[in-house]
Amino acid sequence: MSLLTLTLFIAGFVLLVYGAELLVRGASKLALAAGISPLVIGLTVVAYGTSAPELAVSVQSSFAGVADIAVGNVVGSNIANVLLILGISAVIAPLMVSIQLVRLEVPLMIALSVLVLLLGGDGRIGRVDGLLFFAGGLVYTIVTIWQSRRETAARQKEQSIDPIDEQSPAGAKQITFQLGLIVSGLVLLVIGANWLVNGAVVIATHFG
C-alpha cells in the first residue's frame, strides 16, 4: 500500500464531506425559496444531501464490482445515524420530536429496514428490488414536498408573507448562486467517491 493510495483515500473522504456540505447548503436555500417547510427540508433535502456521499460511494462501488462496500456503506451509515449521531445530539441537548416523525417517518423507517431484511434474505438485492426502492423514494419525496408546499402556501396567505420572487434581479442572482453550489457539490461528490472507493479497495486488499 503506497502513500499515494492513502492520500487519495483521505482526499476522497474530504471531498465527499465538503461536496455534501455545498449540496445541502444550496438545495436548502432553494427549498426555502420554493416554500418548503424546515421539517420537510430536513426530511428530504438535507437527508438526501447528507446521504449523497453514501450514494456516490455505493454507485462507484457497484460499477467497480465491490458489492460488499456498496451494501455495507448503506447499512453501516444508517446504524451510525441512529446510534451515534442521534445519540450524541440528544446528549448535547434534548431534542424536540415532531408528531409527524413519530406517526409517519419513524414507522416508515422501521418498515423499510424490515423490507431490506426480507429482500436481502436470499443474499442478493437485484435490479427489481432496486427499482422498487427507488420508486418508493420518488413517491415519498413528491408527496412530502407537495403537502409542505400546500401547507406553506396556506400559511403565507393567512400571514400575508410574500415568497422570494425569482423573476427579480436579486431573486434570480440568489437562485443562480445556489444552483452553482449544488453543481459544485455534485462534482466534488463524484470525484471524492472515485478516490475513496479506489483507495478503500487497495487498502482492503493489502490487509487481506
N, C-alpha and C. Protein backbone atom coordinates (compact mmCIF):
# COMPACT_ATOMS: atom_id res chain seq x y z
N MET A 1 0.85 -1.19 0.00
CA MET A 1 0.00 0.00 0.00
C MET A 1 0.89 1.24 0.00
N SER A 2 0.72 2.08 -1.01
CA SER A 2 1.58 3.25 -1.15
C SER A 2 1.00 4.46 -0.43
N LEU A 3 1.87 5.45 -0.25
CA LEU A 3 1.43 6.71 0.36
C LEU A 3 0.40 7.40 -0.52
N LEU A 4 0.52 7.24 -1.84
CA LEU A 4 -0.43 7.85 -2.77
C LEU A 4 -1.83 7.29 -2.56
N THR A 5 -1.92 5.97 -2.33
CA THR A 5 -3.23 5.35 -2.09
C THR A 5 -3.88 5.91 -0.84
N LEU A 6 -3.11 6.02 0.23
CA LEU A 6 -3.64 6.56 1.48
C LEU A 6 -4.05 8.02 1.32
N THR A 7 -3.25 8.77 0.56
CA THR A 7 -3.57 10.18 0.32
C THR A 7 -4.86 10.33 -0.47
N LEU A 8 -5.03 9.50 -1.51
CA LEU A 8 -6.26 9.54 -2.31
C LEU A 8 -7.47 9.17 -1.47
N PHE A 9 -7.32 8.19 -0.59
CA PHE A 9 -8.41 7.76 0.28
C PHE A 9 -8.86 8.91 1.19
N ILE A 10 -7.90 9.56 1.83
CA ILE A 10 -8.22 10.68 2.73
C ILE A 10 -8.78 11.87 1.96
N ALA A 11 -8.16 12.18 0.81
CA ALA A 11 -8.64 13.30 -0.01
C ALA A 11 -10.05 13.03 -0.52
N GLY A 12 -10.33 11.79 -0.88
CA GLY A 12 -11.68 11.43 -1.32
C GLY A 12 -12.70 11.65 -0.23
N PHE A 13 -12.36 11.28 1.00
CA PHE A 13 -13.26 11.49 2.14
C PHE A 13 -13.52 12.98 2.36
N VAL A 14 -12.47 13.78 2.28
CA VAL A 14 -12.61 15.24 2.47
C VAL A 14 -13.51 15.83 1.39
N LEU A 15 -13.31 15.41 0.14
CA LEU A 15 -14.14 15.93 -0.96
C LEU A 15 -15.60 15.53 -0.78
N LEU A 16 -15.84 14.32 -0.28
CA LEU A 16 -17.22 13.88 -0.04
C LEU A 16 -17.90 14.76 1.00
N VAL A 17 -17.20 15.03 2.08
CA VAL A 17 -17.77 15.86 3.15
C VAL A 17 -18.05 17.28 2.66
N TYR A 18 -17.07 17.88 1.99
CA TYR A 18 -17.23 19.26 1.52
C TYR A 18 -18.27 19.34 0.40
N GLY A 19 -18.28 18.35 -0.49
CA GLY A 19 -19.27 18.34 -1.57
C GLY A 19 -20.68 18.23 -1.03
N ALA A 20 -20.87 17.37 -0.02
CA ALA A 20 -22.19 17.23 0.59
C ALA A 20 -22.62 18.52 1.27
N GLU A 21 -21.67 19.21 1.90
CA GLU A 21 -21.98 20.47 2.58
C GLU A 21 -22.45 21.53 1.58
N LEU A 22 -21.78 21.62 0.44
CA LEU A 22 -22.19 22.57 -0.60
C LEU A 22 -23.56 22.20 -1.16
N LEU A 23 -23.77 20.92 -1.38
CA LEU A 23 -25.04 20.46 -1.93
C LEU A 23 -26.20 20.77 -0.99
N VAL A 24 -26.02 20.47 0.28
CA VAL A 24 -27.08 20.72 1.26
C VAL A 24 -27.36 22.21 1.40
N ARG A 25 -26.29 23.02 1.44
CA ARG A 25 -26.47 24.47 1.59
C ARG A 25 -27.27 25.05 0.42
N GLY A 26 -26.89 24.70 -0.79
CA GLY A 26 -27.59 25.23 -1.96
C GLY A 26 -29.01 24.73 -2.07
N ALA A 27 -29.20 23.43 -1.87
CA ALA A 27 -30.53 22.84 -2.01
C ALA A 27 -31.48 23.34 -0.93
N SER A 28 -30.97 23.53 0.29
CA SER A 28 -31.82 24.01 1.38
C SER A 28 -32.32 25.42 1.11
N LYS A 29 -31.44 26.30 0.61
CA LYS A 29 -31.85 27.67 0.29
C LYS A 29 -32.90 27.68 -0.82
N LEU A 30 -32.71 26.84 -1.83
CA LEU A 30 -33.69 26.77 -2.92
C LEU A 30 -35.03 26.25 -2.40
N ALA A 31 -34.98 25.27 -1.51
CA ALA A 31 -36.21 24.70 -0.97
C ALA A 31 -36.97 25.74 -0.15
N LEU A 32 -36.25 26.52 0.65
CA LEU A 32 -36.91 27.58 1.42
C LEU A 32 -37.54 28.61 0.49
N ALA A 33 -36.83 28.96 -0.59
CA ALA A 33 -37.36 29.92 -1.55
C ALA A 33 -38.60 29.37 -2.26
N ALA A 34 -38.68 28.04 -2.37
CA ALA A 34 -39.82 27.42 -3.04
C ALA A 34 -40.99 27.20 -2.10
N GLY A 35 -40.86 27.60 -0.83
CA GLY A 35 -41.96 27.49 0.11
C GLY A 35 -42.08 26.15 0.77
N ILE A 36 -40.97 25.44 0.94
CA ILE A 36 -40.98 24.14 1.60
C ILE A 36 -40.61 24.34 3.07
N SER A 37 -41.34 23.69 3.97
CA SER A 37 -41.14 23.90 5.41
C SER A 37 -39.80 23.34 5.88
N PRO A 38 -39.26 23.89 6.98
CA PRO A 38 -37.99 23.40 7.51
C PRO A 38 -37.99 21.91 7.84
N LEU A 39 -39.12 21.38 8.37
CA LEU A 39 -39.19 19.96 8.69
C LEU A 39 -39.03 19.11 7.44
N VAL A 40 -39.73 19.49 6.39
CA VAL A 40 -39.66 18.72 5.14
C VAL A 40 -38.28 18.87 4.50
N ILE A 41 -37.68 20.05 4.64
CA ILE A 41 -36.31 20.22 4.15
C ILE A 41 -35.37 19.25 4.86
N GLY A 42 -35.58 19.08 6.15
CA GLY A 42 -34.76 18.12 6.89
C GLY A 42 -35.01 16.69 6.46
N LEU A 43 -36.29 16.37 6.18
CA LEU A 43 -36.66 15.01 5.80
C LEU A 43 -36.23 14.66 4.37
N THR A 44 -36.12 15.66 3.52
CA THR A 44 -35.83 15.38 2.11
C THR A 44 -34.49 15.97 1.67
N VAL A 45 -34.43 17.30 1.58
CA VAL A 45 -33.25 17.96 1.01
C VAL A 45 -32.00 17.66 1.84
N VAL A 46 -32.06 17.93 3.14
CA VAL A 46 -30.88 17.70 3.99
C VAL A 46 -30.58 16.21 4.09
N ALA A 47 -31.63 15.39 4.26
CA ALA A 47 -31.42 13.94 4.38
C ALA A 47 -30.78 13.38 3.12
N TYR A 48 -31.30 13.77 1.95
CA TYR A 48 -30.72 13.27 0.70
C TYR A 48 -29.35 13.88 0.45
N GLY A 49 -29.21 15.15 0.81
CA GLY A 49 -27.92 15.80 0.59
C GLY A 49 -26.81 15.18 1.42
N THR A 50 -27.11 14.92 2.70
CA THR A 50 -26.09 14.30 3.56
C THR A 50 -25.90 12.83 3.23
N SER A 51 -26.85 12.23 2.52
CA SER A 51 -26.70 10.85 2.06
C SER A 51 -26.00 10.77 0.70
N ALA A 52 -25.76 11.93 0.11
CA ALA A 52 -25.11 11.95 -1.21
C ALA A 52 -23.75 11.27 -1.20
N PRO A 53 -22.92 11.44 -0.14
CA PRO A 53 -21.66 10.69 -0.13
C PRO A 53 -21.88 9.19 -0.17
N GLU A 54 -22.86 8.69 0.61
CA GLU A 54 -23.15 7.26 0.58
C GLU A 54 -23.62 6.82 -0.80
N LEU A 55 -24.44 7.66 -1.44
CA LEU A 55 -24.91 7.34 -2.79
C LEU A 55 -23.73 7.27 -3.76
N ALA A 56 -22.87 8.28 -3.70
CA ALA A 56 -21.73 8.32 -4.61
C ALA A 56 -20.81 7.12 -4.40
N VAL A 57 -20.54 6.80 -3.13
CA VAL A 57 -19.65 5.67 -2.83
C VAL A 57 -20.28 4.35 -3.26
N SER A 58 -21.58 4.17 -2.98
CA SER A 58 -22.24 2.91 -3.32
C SER A 58 -22.33 2.72 -4.83
N VAL A 59 -22.66 3.78 -5.56
CA VAL A 59 -22.73 3.68 -7.02
C VAL A 59 -21.35 3.37 -7.60
N GLN A 60 -20.34 4.07 -7.12
CA GLN A 60 -18.98 3.82 -7.58
C GLN A 60 -18.55 2.39 -7.25
N SER A 61 -18.94 1.90 -6.08
CA SER A 61 -18.60 0.53 -5.68
C SER A 61 -19.30 -0.49 -6.57
N SER A 62 -20.55 -0.21 -6.94
CA SER A 62 -21.28 -1.11 -7.83
C SER A 62 -20.60 -1.20 -9.18
N PHE A 63 -20.21 -0.05 -9.73
CA PHE A 63 -19.50 -0.04 -11.01
C PHE A 63 -18.16 -0.77 -10.91
N ALA A 64 -17.52 -0.67 -9.75
CA ALA A 64 -16.22 -1.31 -9.56
C ALA A 64 -16.34 -2.79 -9.21
N GLY A 65 -17.58 -3.27 -9.04
CA GLY A 65 -17.79 -4.67 -8.72
C GLY A 65 -17.51 -5.03 -7.28
N VAL A 66 -17.58 -4.04 -6.39
CA VAL A 66 -17.33 -4.28 -4.96
C VAL A 66 -18.66 -4.11 -4.23
N ALA A 67 -19.51 -5.13 -4.31
CA ALA A 67 -20.87 -5.03 -3.76
C ALA A 67 -20.86 -4.91 -2.24
N ASP A 68 -19.90 -5.55 -1.58
CA ASP A 68 -19.86 -5.51 -0.12
C ASP A 68 -19.71 -4.08 0.40
N ILE A 69 -18.90 -3.29 -0.28
CA ILE A 69 -18.74 -1.89 0.13
C ILE A 69 -20.05 -1.13 -0.08
N ALA A 70 -20.72 -1.38 -1.20
CA ALA A 70 -21.97 -0.68 -1.52
C ALA A 70 -23.04 -0.93 -0.47
N VAL A 71 -23.25 -2.21 -0.13
CA VAL A 71 -24.30 -2.56 0.84
C VAL A 71 -23.87 -2.18 2.26
N GLY A 72 -22.64 -2.51 2.61
CA GLY A 72 -22.16 -2.20 3.96
C GLY A 72 -22.15 -0.71 4.24
N ASN A 73 -21.89 0.09 3.22
CA ASN A 73 -21.88 1.54 3.37
C ASN A 73 -23.26 2.05 3.75
N VAL A 74 -24.29 1.54 3.10
CA VAL A 74 -25.66 1.99 3.37
C VAL A 74 -26.13 1.54 4.75
N VAL A 75 -25.96 0.26 5.03
CA VAL A 75 -26.43 -0.28 6.31
C VAL A 75 -25.64 0.34 7.47
N GLY A 76 -24.33 0.42 7.31
CA GLY A 76 -23.50 0.98 8.37
C GLY A 76 -23.80 2.44 8.66
N SER A 77 -24.06 3.22 7.61
CA SER A 77 -24.36 4.64 7.81
C SER A 77 -25.69 4.83 8.53
N ASN A 78 -26.67 3.97 8.24
CA ASN A 78 -27.96 4.07 8.92
C ASN A 78 -27.83 3.73 10.41
N ILE A 79 -27.04 2.69 10.70
CA ILE A 79 -26.81 2.33 12.10
C ILE A 79 -26.10 3.47 12.83
N ALA A 80 -25.09 4.05 12.18
CA ALA A 80 -24.35 5.15 12.80
C ALA A 80 -25.23 6.37 13.00
N ASN A 81 -26.13 6.64 12.05
CA ASN A 81 -27.02 7.80 12.16
C ASN A 81 -27.90 7.70 13.39
N VAL A 82 -28.45 6.51 13.64
CA VAL A 82 -29.37 6.35 14.77
C VAL A 82 -28.61 6.28 16.09
N LEU A 83 -27.59 5.43 16.15
CA LEU A 83 -26.90 5.20 17.42
C LEU A 83 -25.96 6.33 17.80
N LEU A 84 -25.15 6.79 16.85
CA LEU A 84 -24.13 7.78 17.18
C LEU A 84 -24.62 9.21 17.03
N ILE A 85 -25.09 9.56 15.82
CA ILE A 85 -25.45 10.95 15.56
C ILE A 85 -26.65 11.39 16.39
N LEU A 86 -27.72 10.59 16.37
CA LEU A 86 -28.90 10.93 17.16
C LEU A 86 -28.57 10.88 18.65
N GLY A 87 -27.80 9.87 19.06
CA GLY A 87 -27.45 9.74 20.47
C GLY A 87 -26.61 10.90 20.97
N ILE A 88 -25.56 11.26 20.23
CA ILE A 88 -24.70 12.37 20.65
C ILE A 88 -25.46 13.69 20.66
N SER A 89 -26.32 13.90 19.64
CA SER A 89 -27.10 15.13 19.58
C SER A 89 -28.02 15.26 20.79
N ALA A 90 -28.65 14.13 21.19
CA ALA A 90 -29.56 14.16 22.34
C ALA A 90 -28.80 14.36 23.65
N VAL A 91 -27.56 13.86 23.72
CA VAL A 91 -26.75 14.06 24.92
C VAL A 91 -26.38 15.53 25.07
N ILE A 92 -26.03 16.17 23.95
CA ILE A 92 -25.65 17.58 23.98
C ILE A 92 -26.83 18.46 24.39
N ALA A 93 -28.00 18.19 23.79
CA ALA A 93 -29.20 18.96 24.12
C ALA A 93 -30.42 18.11 23.79
N PRO A 94 -31.42 18.07 24.68
CA PRO A 94 -32.64 17.30 24.41
C PRO A 94 -33.27 17.73 23.08
N LEU A 95 -33.78 16.76 22.34
CA LEU A 95 -34.32 17.03 21.01
C LEU A 95 -35.84 17.00 21.04
N MET A 96 -36.47 18.02 20.45
CA MET A 96 -37.91 18.03 20.30
C MET A 96 -38.27 17.18 19.08
N VAL A 97 -39.19 16.25 19.26
CA VAL A 97 -39.57 15.32 18.20
C VAL A 97 -40.95 15.68 17.67
N SER A 98 -41.05 15.89 16.37
CA SER A 98 -42.32 16.24 15.74
C SER A 98 -43.27 15.04 15.76
N ILE A 99 -44.56 15.33 15.95
CA ILE A 99 -45.57 14.27 15.92
C ILE A 99 -45.58 13.58 14.56
N GLN A 100 -45.33 14.35 13.50
CA GLN A 100 -45.30 13.77 12.16
C GLN A 100 -44.21 12.71 12.06
N LEU A 101 -43.06 12.96 12.67
CA LEU A 101 -41.98 11.99 12.66
C LEU A 101 -42.39 10.70 13.35
N VAL A 102 -43.03 10.84 14.51
CA VAL A 102 -43.41 9.67 15.30
C VAL A 102 -44.48 8.85 14.60
N ARG A 103 -45.43 9.54 13.97
CA ARG A 103 -46.56 8.84 13.36
C ARG A 103 -46.29 8.31 11.96
N LEU A 104 -45.38 8.95 11.23
CA LEU A 104 -45.18 8.55 9.83
C LEU A 104 -43.75 8.12 9.53
N GLU A 105 -42.78 9.03 9.71
CA GLU A 105 -41.42 8.75 9.24
C GLU A 105 -40.73 7.63 10.01
N VAL A 106 -40.88 7.60 11.34
CA VAL A 106 -40.22 6.54 12.12
C VAL A 106 -40.79 5.16 11.79
N PRO A 107 -42.13 4.98 11.77
CA PRO A 107 -42.66 3.68 11.34
C PRO A 107 -42.24 3.32 9.92
N LEU A 108 -42.17 4.32 9.03
CA LEU A 108 -41.74 4.06 7.66
C LEU A 108 -40.29 3.58 7.63
N MET A 109 -39.43 4.20 8.43
CA MET A 109 -38.03 3.78 8.50
C MET A 109 -37.91 2.34 8.99
N ILE A 110 -38.70 1.98 10.00
CA ILE A 110 -38.67 0.62 10.52
C ILE A 110 -39.17 -0.37 9.47
N ALA A 111 -40.26 0.00 8.78
CA ALA A 111 -40.82 -0.88 7.75
C ALA A 111 -39.82 -1.10 6.62
N LEU A 112 -39.11 -0.06 6.23
CA LEU A 112 -38.11 -0.18 5.16
C LEU A 112 -36.95 -1.06 5.58
N SER A 113 -36.56 -0.98 6.85
CA SER A 113 -35.48 -1.83 7.35
C SER A 113 -35.90 -3.30 7.29
N VAL A 114 -37.15 -3.58 7.65
CA VAL A 114 -37.67 -4.95 7.56
C VAL A 114 -37.72 -5.40 6.11
N LEU A 115 -38.10 -4.49 5.20
CA LEU A 115 -38.16 -4.83 3.78
C LEU A 115 -36.78 -5.18 3.23
N VAL A 116 -35.76 -4.43 3.65
CA VAL A 116 -34.39 -4.74 3.23
C VAL A 116 -33.99 -6.12 3.73
N LEU A 117 -34.37 -6.43 4.97
CA LEU A 117 -34.07 -7.75 5.54
C LEU A 117 -34.73 -8.86 4.74
N LEU A 118 -35.98 -8.65 4.33
CA LEU A 118 -36.70 -9.67 3.58
C LEU A 118 -36.14 -9.84 2.17
N LEU A 119 -35.92 -8.71 1.48
CA LEU A 119 -35.45 -8.78 0.10
C LEU A 119 -34.00 -9.27 0.02
N GLY A 120 -33.22 -8.97 1.05
CA GLY A 120 -31.83 -9.42 1.04
C GLY A 120 -31.63 -10.77 1.69
N GLY A 121 -32.72 -11.41 2.08
CA GLY A 121 -32.62 -12.70 2.76
C GLY A 121 -32.03 -13.79 1.89
N ASP A 122 -32.15 -13.65 0.57
CA ASP A 122 -31.59 -14.66 -0.34
C ASP A 122 -30.15 -14.35 -0.72
N GLY A 123 -29.57 -13.33 -0.06
CA GLY A 123 -28.18 -12.99 -0.35
C GLY A 123 -27.99 -12.10 -1.55
N ARG A 124 -29.08 -11.50 -2.03
CA ARG A 124 -28.96 -10.68 -3.25
C ARG A 124 -30.07 -9.64 -3.28
N ILE A 125 -29.71 -8.41 -3.61
CA ILE A 125 -30.68 -7.35 -3.87
C ILE A 125 -30.55 -7.00 -5.34
N GLY A 126 -31.56 -7.41 -6.12
CA GLY A 126 -31.47 -7.29 -7.57
C GLY A 126 -31.99 -5.97 -8.12
N ARG A 127 -32.03 -5.91 -9.44
CA ARG A 127 -32.47 -4.68 -10.10
C ARG A 127 -33.93 -4.36 -9.81
N VAL A 128 -34.77 -5.39 -9.77
CA VAL A 128 -36.20 -5.17 -9.48
C VAL A 128 -36.35 -4.60 -8.07
N ASP A 129 -35.60 -5.16 -7.13
CA ASP A 129 -35.63 -4.64 -5.75
C ASP A 129 -35.17 -3.18 -5.72
N GLY A 130 -34.11 -2.90 -6.47
CA GLY A 130 -33.61 -1.53 -6.53
C GLY A 130 -34.62 -0.56 -7.11
N LEU A 131 -35.29 -0.98 -8.18
CA LEU A 131 -36.33 -0.14 -8.79
C LEU A 131 -37.48 0.10 -7.81
N LEU A 132 -37.81 -0.93 -7.03
CA LEU A 132 -38.87 -0.79 -6.03
C LEU A 132 -38.50 0.26 -4.99
N PHE A 133 -37.28 0.19 -4.49
CA PHE A 133 -36.82 1.18 -3.51
C PHE A 133 -36.79 2.58 -4.12
N PHE A 134 -36.27 2.68 -5.34
CA PHE A 134 -36.14 3.99 -5.99
C PHE A 134 -37.51 4.62 -6.24
N ALA A 135 -38.47 3.81 -6.73
CA ALA A 135 -39.82 4.32 -6.99
C ALA A 135 -40.48 4.76 -5.69
N GLY A 136 -40.28 3.98 -4.63
CA GLY A 136 -40.83 4.37 -3.33
C GLY A 136 -40.25 5.67 -2.83
N GLY A 137 -38.95 5.87 -3.05
CA GLY A 137 -38.32 7.12 -2.65
C GLY A 137 -38.87 8.32 -3.41
N LEU A 138 -39.10 8.14 -4.71
CA LEU A 138 -39.68 9.22 -5.51
C LEU A 138 -41.08 9.58 -5.03
N VAL A 139 -41.91 8.56 -4.80
CA VAL A 139 -43.28 8.81 -4.36
C VAL A 139 -43.28 9.52 -3.01
N TYR A 140 -42.46 9.04 -2.09
CA TYR A 140 -42.38 9.66 -0.76
C TYR A 140 -41.96 11.12 -0.86
N THR A 141 -40.95 11.39 -1.67
CA THR A 141 -40.44 12.76 -1.80
C THR A 141 -41.48 13.68 -2.41
N ILE A 142 -42.12 13.23 -3.49
CA ILE A 142 -43.12 14.06 -4.18
C ILE A 142 -44.30 14.38 -3.26
N VAL A 143 -44.81 13.36 -2.58
CA VAL A 143 -45.96 13.56 -1.69
C VAL A 143 -45.59 14.49 -0.54
N THR A 144 -44.42 14.29 0.05
CA THR A 144 -44.00 15.11 1.19
C THR A 144 -43.83 16.57 0.79
N ILE A 145 -43.18 16.82 -0.35
CA ILE A 145 -42.97 18.19 -0.81
C ILE A 145 -44.30 18.84 -1.20
N TRP A 146 -45.18 18.08 -1.84
CA TRP A 146 -46.48 18.63 -2.24
C TRP A 146 -47.29 19.05 -1.02
N GLN A 147 -47.30 18.21 0.01
CA GLN A 147 -48.02 18.57 1.23
C GLN A 147 -47.41 19.80 1.89
N SER A 148 -46.09 19.88 1.90
CA SER A 148 -45.43 21.02 2.53
C SER A 148 -45.73 22.32 1.80
N ARG A 149 -45.66 22.28 0.47
CA ARG A 149 -45.94 23.50 -0.31
C ARG A 149 -47.37 23.96 -0.10
N ARG A 150 -48.29 23.02 -0.02
CA ARG A 150 -49.69 23.39 0.19
C ARG A 150 -49.88 24.03 1.57
N GLU A 151 -49.26 23.43 2.60
CA GLU A 151 -49.38 23.99 3.94
C GLU A 151 -48.69 25.35 4.05
N THR A 152 -47.52 25.49 3.42
CA THR A 152 -46.79 26.75 3.47
C THR A 152 -47.54 27.85 2.73
N ALA A 153 -48.14 27.51 1.59
CA ALA A 153 -48.91 28.49 0.83
C ALA A 153 -50.10 28.99 1.64
N ALA A 154 -50.74 28.07 2.36
CA ALA A 154 -51.88 28.47 3.19
C ALA A 154 -51.43 29.40 4.32
N ARG A 155 -50.26 29.10 4.91
CA ARG A 155 -49.74 29.94 5.98
C ARG A 155 -49.37 31.32 5.47
N GLN A 156 -48.74 31.37 4.30
CA GLN A 156 -48.34 32.65 3.72
C GLN A 156 -49.57 33.50 3.38
N LYS A 157 -50.63 32.85 2.95
CA LYS A 157 -51.85 33.57 2.61
C LYS A 157 -52.48 34.17 3.86
N GLU A 158 -52.46 33.41 4.96
CA GLU A 158 -53.03 33.90 6.21
C GLU A 158 -52.20 35.04 6.79
N GLN A 159 -50.86 34.92 6.68
CA GLN A 159 -49.98 35.89 7.32
C GLN A 159 -49.48 36.96 6.35
N SER A 160 -49.94 36.90 5.10
CA SER A 160 -49.55 37.87 4.06
C SER A 160 -48.03 37.92 3.88
N ILE A 161 -47.39 36.73 3.77
CA ILE A 161 -45.95 36.63 3.56
C ILE A 161 -45.69 36.39 2.08
N ASP A 162 -44.85 37.22 1.50
CA ASP A 162 -44.54 37.08 0.08
C ASP A 162 -43.32 36.18 -0.11
N PRO A 163 -43.42 35.15 -0.97
CA PRO A 163 -42.27 34.30 -1.25
C PRO A 163 -41.24 35.06 -2.06
N ILE A 164 -40.03 34.50 -2.17
CA ILE A 164 -38.97 35.13 -2.96
C ILE A 164 -39.37 35.17 -4.43
N ASP A 165 -39.24 36.33 -5.05
CA ASP A 165 -39.58 36.48 -6.46
C ASP A 165 -38.37 36.12 -7.30
N GLU A 166 -38.44 34.94 -7.97
CA GLU A 166 -37.30 34.52 -8.77
C GLU A 166 -37.13 35.34 -10.03
N GLN A 167 -38.14 36.17 -10.40
CA GLN A 167 -38.04 37.00 -11.59
C GLN A 167 -37.26 38.28 -11.32
N SER A 168 -37.16 38.69 -10.06
CA SER A 168 -36.42 39.90 -9.73
C SER A 168 -34.92 39.64 -9.85
N PRO A 169 -34.12 40.70 -10.12
CA PRO A 169 -32.66 40.51 -10.24
C PRO A 169 -32.05 39.86 -9.01
N ALA A 170 -32.47 40.32 -7.82
CA ALA A 170 -31.91 39.76 -6.59
C ALA A 170 -32.28 38.29 -6.43
N GLY A 171 -33.56 37.98 -6.73
CA GLY A 171 -34.01 36.60 -6.62
C GLY A 171 -33.32 35.69 -7.61
N ALA A 172 -33.18 36.15 -8.85
CA ALA A 172 -32.52 35.35 -9.89
C ALA A 172 -31.05 35.12 -9.54
N LYS A 173 -30.40 36.16 -9.01
CA LYS A 173 -28.99 36.03 -8.64
C LYS A 173 -28.82 35.03 -7.51
N GLN A 174 -29.73 35.07 -6.55
CA GLN A 174 -29.66 34.15 -5.41
C GLN A 174 -29.85 32.71 -5.88
N ILE A 175 -30.83 32.49 -6.75
CA ILE A 175 -31.10 31.15 -7.25
C ILE A 175 -29.91 30.62 -8.05
N THR A 176 -29.33 31.48 -8.90
CA THR A 176 -28.16 31.08 -9.69
C THR A 176 -27.00 30.68 -8.79
N PHE A 177 -26.79 31.44 -7.72
CA PHE A 177 -25.69 31.14 -6.80
C PHE A 177 -25.92 29.79 -6.11
N GLN A 178 -27.16 29.53 -5.67
CA GLN A 178 -27.45 28.27 -5.00
C GLN A 178 -27.31 27.09 -5.97
N LEU A 179 -27.72 27.29 -7.22
CA LEU A 179 -27.55 26.23 -8.22
C LEU A 179 -26.07 25.95 -8.45
N GLY A 180 -25.25 27.01 -8.41
CA GLY A 180 -23.81 26.82 -8.54
C GLY A 180 -23.24 25.99 -7.41
N LEU A 181 -23.74 26.23 -6.19
CA LEU A 181 -23.30 25.43 -5.05
C LEU A 181 -23.68 23.97 -5.24
N ILE A 182 -24.90 23.73 -5.73
CA ILE A 182 -25.36 22.36 -5.93
C ILE A 182 -24.49 21.63 -6.95
N VAL A 183 -24.23 22.28 -8.08
CA VAL A 183 -23.41 21.66 -9.13
C VAL A 183 -22.00 21.40 -8.62
N SER A 184 -21.43 22.37 -7.92
CA SER A 184 -20.07 22.19 -7.37
C SER A 184 -20.03 21.03 -6.39
N GLY A 185 -21.07 20.95 -5.55
CA GLY A 185 -21.13 19.85 -4.60
C GLY A 185 -21.21 18.49 -5.27
N LEU A 186 -22.01 18.40 -6.34
CA LEU A 186 -22.14 17.13 -7.06
C LEU A 186 -20.82 16.72 -7.70
N VAL A 187 -20.12 17.69 -8.28
CA VAL A 187 -18.82 17.39 -8.91
C VAL A 187 -17.83 16.86 -7.87
N LEU A 188 -17.77 17.51 -6.72
CA LEU A 188 -16.87 17.06 -5.67
C LEU A 188 -17.25 15.68 -5.15
N LEU A 189 -18.56 15.40 -5.09
CA LEU A 189 -19.01 14.09 -4.64
C LEU A 189 -18.56 12.98 -5.58
N VAL A 190 -18.69 13.21 -6.87
CA VAL A 190 -18.29 12.20 -7.85
C VAL A 190 -16.79 11.93 -7.77
N ILE A 191 -16.00 12.99 -7.73
CA ILE A 191 -14.54 12.83 -7.66
C ILE A 191 -14.14 12.17 -6.35
N GLY A 192 -14.72 12.64 -5.25
CA GLY A 192 -14.39 12.08 -3.94
C GLY A 192 -14.75 10.62 -3.82
N ALA A 193 -15.91 10.23 -4.36
CA ALA A 193 -16.33 8.83 -4.30
C ALA A 193 -15.37 7.94 -5.06
N ASN A 194 -14.93 8.40 -6.23
CA ASN A 194 -14.00 7.62 -7.03
C ASN A 194 -12.69 7.39 -6.28
N TRP A 195 -12.15 8.45 -5.71
CA TRP A 195 -10.89 8.33 -4.98
C TRP A 195 -11.05 7.45 -3.74
N LEU A 196 -12.16 7.65 -3.02
CA LEU A 196 -12.37 6.91 -1.77
C LEU A 196 -12.52 5.42 -2.03
N VAL A 197 -13.34 5.05 -3.01
CA VAL A 197 -13.57 3.63 -3.30
C VAL A 197 -12.30 2.97 -3.79
N ASN A 198 -11.61 3.61 -4.72
CA ASN A 198 -10.36 3.03 -5.23
C ASN A 198 -9.35 2.84 -4.10
N GLY A 199 -9.24 3.84 -3.24
CA GLY A 199 -8.32 3.72 -2.11
C GLY A 199 -8.74 2.64 -1.14
N ALA A 200 -10.06 2.54 -0.88
CA ALA A 200 -10.57 1.54 0.06
C ALA A 200 -10.33 0.12 -0.45
N VAL A 201 -10.50 -0.09 -1.75
CA VAL A 201 -10.27 -1.42 -2.33
C VAL A 201 -8.81 -1.82 -2.19
N VAL A 202 -7.91 -0.90 -2.48
CA VAL A 202 -6.47 -1.20 -2.36
C VAL A 202 -6.10 -1.48 -0.91
N ILE A 203 -6.63 -0.66 0.02
CA ILE A 203 -6.32 -0.85 1.44
C ILE A 203 -6.87 -2.19 1.94
N ALA A 204 -8.11 -2.51 1.55
CA ALA A 204 -8.71 -3.78 1.97
C ALA A 204 -7.93 -4.97 1.41
N THR A 205 -7.49 -4.86 0.16
CA THR A 205 -6.70 -5.93 -0.45
C THR A 205 -5.36 -6.10 0.27
N HIS A 206 -4.77 -4.98 0.65
CA HIS A 206 -3.47 -5.01 1.34
C HIS A 206 -3.56 -5.73 2.68
N PHE A 207 -4.66 -5.51 3.41
CA PHE A 207 -4.81 -6.13 4.72
C PHE A 207 -5.53 -7.48 4.66
N GLY A 208 -5.85 -7.91 3.46
CA GLY A 208 -6.46 -9.23 3.29
C GLY A 208 -7.92 -9.28 3.65
